[in-house]
Amino acid sequence: MFIIEENIFSHIRTTFHSLSPTQKKIANYILENPQKVVLHSISALAAECNTSETTIFRFLRKIGYESYQVFRVHVAQDIATNTPQSIYGEIEASDSVADIKHKVIELTTNSIQDMKHILEDQAVTQFIEQMKQAHKTVFFGAGASSFIAGDAYHKFLQLGFEVSLCSDPHMMNMIATHATEHDFIVAISHSGESREILDAVQFAKEKGAKVASITSYPKSELAKRSDFHLLSSSRETTYRSDSMISRINQLVIIDVLYVTAVLELGSNAIENVKRSRLAVAKNKT
């Protein structure tokens, strides 16, 4: 893959003449709908262009990309180059600290309120039942999502579940390769398109393990490969790698799952939490 230093839209226009008719159709869609492209999974983009995912990949390689994820990030960055929107879409350059505080808190609060309608009760119930049945539950998360996975691991370890955590791509693949039909894999990814997560999930599925995902995009590749997913979709209007609001939503989902599990397990859960807290307390002065 060569490095594209110019604006991606300029690059597409300058290479347009060398594209095939189908690739030109994809290029035109991207140039005319950049705001939509940053929200599309590769399958959604293929559907919009009436073509296949394989053709999209050929187009990406033609313009110098081996990864759809990297391509989408570059589109988002070039839409908002040199503006505060590249960090937080609703912030303006003229905003005061008070404005920033108000916008961030209001958008985050509204997004959490939306979770009452976005997070499906059935998915929560299914998640807890799967954890109860599984011999082992493994939380996968790469990059920023690894911290969400770590929070889930910490909470369910307190309850006495057989759980583990992994954020290293090589280790995730090895764990998934040795999974069995008795294991439960929980994959966390805001975009649902992280290659590291998708590869590990595919290995786990081939071994018969059940897979649940926590993601913001129901049409993402991760959601499609999961047995079920818990949606953390937020009010973000552009793709941002740091996923500010969706990160908070995912932590809320973990809390909902944790409290549901406590009530489901009853006195055993309470006793396990007490033992965990006492064990930790021994390390404090």
Protein backbone atom coordinates (compact mmCIF):
# COMPACT_ATOMS: atom_id res chain seq x y z
CA MET A 1 0.00 0.00 0.00
CA PHE A 2 1.40 3.39 -0.91
CA ILE A 3 0.93 6.44 1.28
CA ILE A 4 -1.65 8.95 0.10
CA GLU A 5 -0.51 12.39 1.15
CA GLU A 6 -3.01 14.47 -0.81
CA ASN A 7 -6.66 15.00 0.04
CA ILE A 8 -8.46 11.73 -0.61
CA PHE A 9 -11.16 13.34 -2.74
CA SER A 10 -8.55 15.02 -4.92
CA HIS A 11 -6.76 11.69 -5.20
CA ILE A 12 -9.93 9.93 -6.36
CA ARG A 13 -10.57 12.62 -8.96
CA THR A 14 -7.03 12.49 -10.31
CA THR A 15 -7.15 8.68 -10.67
CA PHE A 16 -10.73 8.63 -12.00
CA HIS A 17 -9.65 8.13 -15.63
CA SER A 18 -7.89 4.87 -14.77
CA LEU A 19 -10.92 3.28 -13.08
CA SER A 20 -13.24 0.71 -14.59
CA PRO A 21 -16.89 1.67 -15.22
CA THR A 22 -17.97 -0.05 -11.98
CA GLN A 23 -15.14 1.58 -10.03
CA LYS A 24 -16.10 4.98 -11.44
CA LYS A 25 -19.62 4.40 -10.12
CA ILE A 26 -18.18 3.74 -6.64
CA ALA A 27 -15.93 6.80 -6.92
CA ASN A 28 -18.86 9.01 -7.89
CA TYR A 29 -20.89 7.81 -4.91
CA ILE A 30 -18.01 8.55 -2.53
CA LEU A 31 -17.41 12.01 -4.00
CA GLU A 32 -21.12 12.88 -3.87
CA ASN A 33 -21.87 11.32 -0.46
CA PRO A 34 -18.78 11.59 1.77
CA GLN A 35 -20.85 12.13 4.94
CA LYS A 36 -22.71 8.88 4.30
CA VAL A 37 -19.58 6.94 3.47
CA VAL A 38 -18.04 7.51 6.92
CA LEU A 39 -21.10 5.85 8.47
CA HIS A 40 -21.31 2.92 6.03
CA SER A 41 -19.87 -0.51 6.66
CA ILE A 42 -18.25 -2.00 3.58
CA SER A 43 -21.34 -4.11 2.97
CA ALA A 44 -23.57 -1.03 3.21
CA LEU A 45 -21.37 0.84 0.72
CA ALA A 46 -21.52 -2.13 -1.65
CA ALA A 47 -25.32 -2.17 -1.39
CA GLU A 48 -25.53 1.57 -2.10
CA CYS A 49 -23.39 1.12 -5.20
CA ASN A 50 -25.24 -2.03 -6.31
CA THR A 51 -22.05 -4.04 -6.30
CA SER A 52 -20.18 -6.58 -4.15
CA GLU A 53 -17.80 -6.20 -1.22
CA THR A 54 -15.10 -7.80 -3.38
CA THR A 55 -15.53 -5.05 -5.97
CA ILE A 56 -15.25 -2.41 -3.23
CA PHE A 57 -11.99 -3.99 -2.08
CA ARG A 58 -10.67 -3.94 -5.67
CA PHE A 59 -11.55 -0.25 -5.90
CA LEU A 60 -9.75 0.47 -2.61
CA ARG A 61 -6.62 -1.32 -3.76
CA LYS A 62 -6.79 0.61 -7.02
CA ILE A 63 -6.63 3.93 -5.14
CA GLY A 64 -3.98 2.71 -2.69
CA TYR A 65 -5.80 1.20 0.30
CA GLU A 66 -5.64 -2.31 1.73
CA SER A 67 -8.09 -1.56 4.55
CA TYR A 68 -11.62 -0.18 4.39
CA GLN A 69 -11.24 1.00 7.96
CA VAL A 70 -8.22 3.16 7.11
CA PHE A 71 -9.97 4.49 4.00
CA ARG A 72 -13.03 5.50 6.02
CA VAL A 73 -10.94 7.25 8.67
CA HIS A 74 -9.16 9.23 5.95
CA VAL A 75 -12.51 10.25 4.44
CA ALA A 76 -13.69 11.48 7.85
CA GLN A 77 -10.45 13.34 8.47
CA ASP A 78 -10.51 15.07 5.09
CA ILE A 79 -14.14 16.12 5.55
CA ALA A 80 -13.19 17.92 8.74
CA THR A 81 -9.57 18.90 8.04
CA ASN A 82 -8.29 21.64 10.32
CA THR A 83 -11.61 22.11 12.08
CA PRO A 84 -12.74 21.20 15.63
CA GLN A 85 -15.26 18.80 14.03
CA SER A 86 -12.42 16.37 13.47
CA ILE A 87 -12.33 15.86 17.25
CA TYR A 88 -15.95 16.44 18.24
CA GLY A 89 -18.44 17.04 15.45
CA GLU A 90 -20.71 19.54 17.21
CA ILE A 91 -17.97 21.86 18.49
CA GLU A 92 -17.32 25.15 16.70
CA ALA A 93 -14.03 27.06 16.66
CA SER A 94 -15.70 30.01 18.36
CA ASP A 95 -17.09 27.95 21.27
CA SER A 96 -16.11 28.99 24.78
CA VAL A 97 -15.24 26.52 27.54
CA ALA A 98 -18.81 26.93 28.82
CA ASP A 99 -20.17 26.11 25.34
CA ILE A 100 -17.97 23.04 25.06
CA LYS A 101 -18.98 21.82 28.51
CA HIS A 102 -22.68 22.31 27.74
CA LYS A 103 -22.52 20.56 24.35
CA VAL A 104 -20.48 17.58 25.49
CA ILE A 105 -22.64 16.98 28.57
CA GLU A 106 -25.94 17.51 26.76
CA LEU A 107 -25.05 15.24 23.83
CA THR A 108 -23.75 12.53 26.14
CA THR A 109 -26.84 12.72 28.37
CA ASN A 110 -29.20 12.57 25.39
CA SER A 111 -27.30 9.65 23.95
CA ILE A 112 -27.58 7.69 27.20
CA GLN A 113 -31.32 8.43 27.29
CA ASP A 114 -31.58 6.98 23.77
CA MET A 115 -30.20 3.71 25.11
CA LYS A 116 -33.62 3.00 26.63
CA HIS A 117 -34.88 2.50 23.07
CA ILE A 118 -31.71 1.22 21.38
CA LEU A 119 -30.70 -1.56 23.78
CA GLU A 120 -33.06 -4.50 23.32
CA ASP A 121 -34.31 -6.35 26.40
CA GLN A 122 -34.12 -9.67 24.59
CA ALA A 123 -30.45 -9.18 23.76
CA VAL A 124 -29.65 -8.45 27.43
CA THR A 125 -31.51 -11.58 28.55
CA GLN A 126 -29.82 -13.67 25.87
CA PHE A 127 -26.41 -12.37 26.92
CA ILE A 128 -26.88 -13.35 30.58
CA GLU A 129 -28.27 -16.78 29.68
CA GLN A 130 -25.31 -17.43 27.40
CA MET A 131 -22.86 -16.45 30.15
CA LYS A 132 -24.58 -18.78 32.60
CA GLN A 133 -24.38 -21.69 30.16
CA ALA A 134 -20.83 -21.10 28.93
CA HIS A 135 -17.86 -22.89 30.43
CA LYS A 136 -15.79 -19.79 29.71
CA THR A 137 -16.48 -16.23 28.52
CA VAL A 138 -13.77 -14.24 26.75
CA PHE A 139 -13.97 -10.48 26.18
CA PHE A 140 -12.22 -9.20 23.04
CA GLY A 141 -11.49 -5.53 22.42
CA ALA A 142 -8.77 -3.76 20.43
CA GLY A 143 -7.54 -0.20 20.89
CA ALA A 144 -10.00 2.00 22.78
CA SER A 145 -12.47 -0.89 22.95
CA SER A 146 -10.00 -2.85 25.07
CA PHE A 147 -10.84 -0.56 28.01
CA ILE A 148 -14.54 -1.37 27.64
CA ALA A 149 -13.70 -5.06 27.50
CA GLY A 150 -11.58 -4.59 30.63
CA ASP A 151 -14.49 -3.05 32.51
CA ALA A 152 -16.72 -6.00 31.55
CA TYR A 153 -14.02 -8.47 32.59
CA HIS A 154 -13.60 -6.77 35.98
CA LYS A 155 -17.33 -6.72 36.74
CA PHE A 156 -18.10 -10.31 35.75
CA LEU A 157 -14.98 -11.63 37.47
CA GLN A 158 -16.42 -10.12 40.67
CA LEU A 159 -19.53 -12.22 40.18
CA GLY A 160 -17.55 -15.45 40.00
CA PHE A 161 -17.92 -16.13 36.26
CA GLU A 162 -15.13 -17.95 34.44
CA VAL A 163 -13.96 -15.00 32.32
CA SER A 164 -10.83 -13.79 30.57
CA LEU A 165 -9.77 -10.70 28.65
CA CYS A 166 -7.65 -10.22 25.54
CA SER A 167 -6.74 -7.17 23.46
CA ASP A 168 -3.70 -8.44 21.56
CA PRO A 169 -4.62 -9.48 17.97
CA HIS A 170 -2.27 -12.49 17.92
CA MET A 171 -3.49 -13.73 21.29
CA MET A 172 -7.13 -13.20 20.29
CA ASN A 173 -6.62 -15.39 17.23
CA MET A 174 -4.95 -18.12 19.28
CA ILE A 175 -7.68 -18.07 21.93
CA ALA A 176 -10.38 -18.16 19.25
CA THR A 177 -8.67 -21.04 17.42
CA HIS A 178 -8.84 -23.15 20.58
CA ALA A 179 -12.42 -22.19 21.43
CA THR A 180 -15.15 -24.81 21.70
CA GLU A 181 -18.92 -24.90 21.40
CA HIS A 182 -19.02 -24.40 25.20
CA ASP A 183 -17.27 -21.01 25.03
CA PHE A 184 -18.82 -17.55 24.75
CA ILE A 185 -16.94 -14.80 22.91
CA VAL A 186 -17.92 -11.16 23.52
CA ALA A 187 -16.42 -8.87 20.87
CA ILE A 188 -16.49 -5.11 21.43
CA SER A 189 -15.96 -2.67 18.56
CA HIS A 190 -17.53 0.75 17.94
CA SER A 191 -17.28 0.49 14.15
CA GLY A 192 -17.75 -3.26 13.91
CA GLU A 193 -15.13 -3.29 11.16
CA SER A 194 -11.87 -3.77 13.08
CA ARG A 195 -9.88 -6.41 11.23
CA GLU A 196 -8.33 -7.79 14.42
CA ILE A 197 -11.74 -8.42 15.97
CA LEU A 198 -13.31 -9.81 12.79
CA ASP A 199 -10.50 -12.33 12.28
CA ALA A 200 -10.74 -13.60 15.86
CA VAL A 201 -14.52 -13.83 15.70
CA GLN A 202 -14.33 -15.82 12.47
CA PHE A 203 -11.94 -18.33 14.06
CA ALA A 204 -14.25 -18.67 17.08
CA LYS A 205 -17.33 -19.21 14.89
CA GLU A 206 -15.54 -21.93 12.95
CA LYS A 207 -14.93 -23.71 16.26
CA GLY A 208 -18.61 -23.52 17.19
CA ALA A 209 -18.33 -20.88 19.93
CA LYS A 210 -21.22 -18.48 20.50
CA VAL A 211 -20.42 -14.86 19.71
CA ALA A 212 -22.07 -11.68 20.97
CA SER A 213 -20.94 -8.20 19.97
CA ILE A 214 -21.28 -4.72 21.39
CA THR A 215 -21.14 -2.31 18.44
CA SER A 216 -22.67 0.93 17.19
CA TYR A 217 -23.55 -0.28 13.71
CA PRO A 218 -26.16 -3.05 13.27
CA LYS A 219 -25.18 -3.55 9.62
CA SER A 220 -21.46 -3.83 10.36
CA GLU A 221 -19.48 -6.94 9.51
CA LEU A 222 -19.08 -7.76 13.21
CA ALA A 223 -22.84 -7.61 13.81
CA LYS A 224 -23.39 -9.93 10.84
CA ARG A 225 -20.88 -12.46 12.17
CA SER A 226 -22.33 -12.43 15.70
CA ASP A 227 -25.09 -14.69 16.99
CA PHE A 228 -26.61 -11.55 18.48
CA HIS A 229 -25.47 -8.00 19.21
CA LEU A 230 -26.10 -5.24 21.73
CA LEU A 231 -26.35 -1.92 19.95
CA SER A 232 -24.48 1.09 21.31
CA SER A 233 -25.40 3.43 18.48
CA SER A 234 -25.06 7.06 19.48
CA ARG A 235 -25.79 10.51 18.08
CA GLU A 236 -22.40 10.76 16.43
CA THR A 237 -22.87 11.90 12.84
CA THR A 238 -19.37 11.15 11.59
CA TYR A 239 -16.89 8.36 12.12
CA ARG A 240 -14.41 9.30 14.84
CA SER A 241 -11.78 6.81 15.86
CA ASP A 242 -12.03 7.84 19.52
CA SER A 243 -15.80 7.23 19.52
CA MET A 244 -16.40 9.59 22.42
CA ILE A 245 -20.10 9.21 23.05
CA SER A 246 -20.40 5.55 22.02
CA ARG A 247 -17.68 4.68 24.55
CA ILE A 248 -19.93 5.98 27.33
CA ASN A 249 -22.88 4.06 25.91
CA GLN A 250 -20.90 0.85 25.90
CA LEU A 251 -20.00 1.32 29.55
CA VAL A 252 -23.71 1.80 30.28
CA ILE A 253 -24.43 -1.48 28.48
CA ILE A 254 -21.85 -3.26 30.64
CA ASP A 255 -23.50 -1.83 33.76
CA VAL A 256 -26.95 -2.99 32.59
CA LEU A 257 -25.59 -6.48 31.95
CA TYR A 258 -23.84 -6.55 35.33
CA VAL A 259 -26.88 -5.48 37.35
CA THR A 260 -29.13 -7.88 35.42
CA ALA A 261 -26.70 -10.71 36.19
CA VAL A 262 -26.66 -9.81 39.89
CA LEU A 263 -30.45 -10.00 40.09
CA GLU A 264 -30.52 -13.18 38.04
CA LEU A 265 -27.97 -14.96 40.23
CA GLY A 266 -29.46 -13.68 43.48
CA SER A 267 -27.70 -14.35 46.79
CA ASN A 268 -24.82 -16.21 45.15
CA ALA A 269 -23.89 -13.09 43.19
CA ILE A 270 -24.03 -10.90 46.29
CA GLU A 271 -21.81 -13.31 48.18
CA ASN A 272 -19.29 -13.46 45.31
CA VAL A 273 -19.13 -9.65 45.14
CA LYS A 274 -18.52 -9.49 48.90
CA ARG A 275 -15.67 -12.01 48.66
CA SER A 276 -14.14 -10.09 45.73
CA ARG A 277 -14.29 -6.79 47.62
CA LEU A 278 -12.77 -8.31 50.74
CA ALA A 279 -9.94 -9.81 48.69
CA VAL A 280 -9.18 -6.40 47.19
CA ALA A 281 -9.53 -4.66 50.56
CA LYS A 282 -6.62 -6.71 51.93
CA ASN A 283 -4.31 -4.76 49.60
CA LYS A 284 -5.43 -1.39 50.95
CA THR A 285 -4.17 0.36 54.05
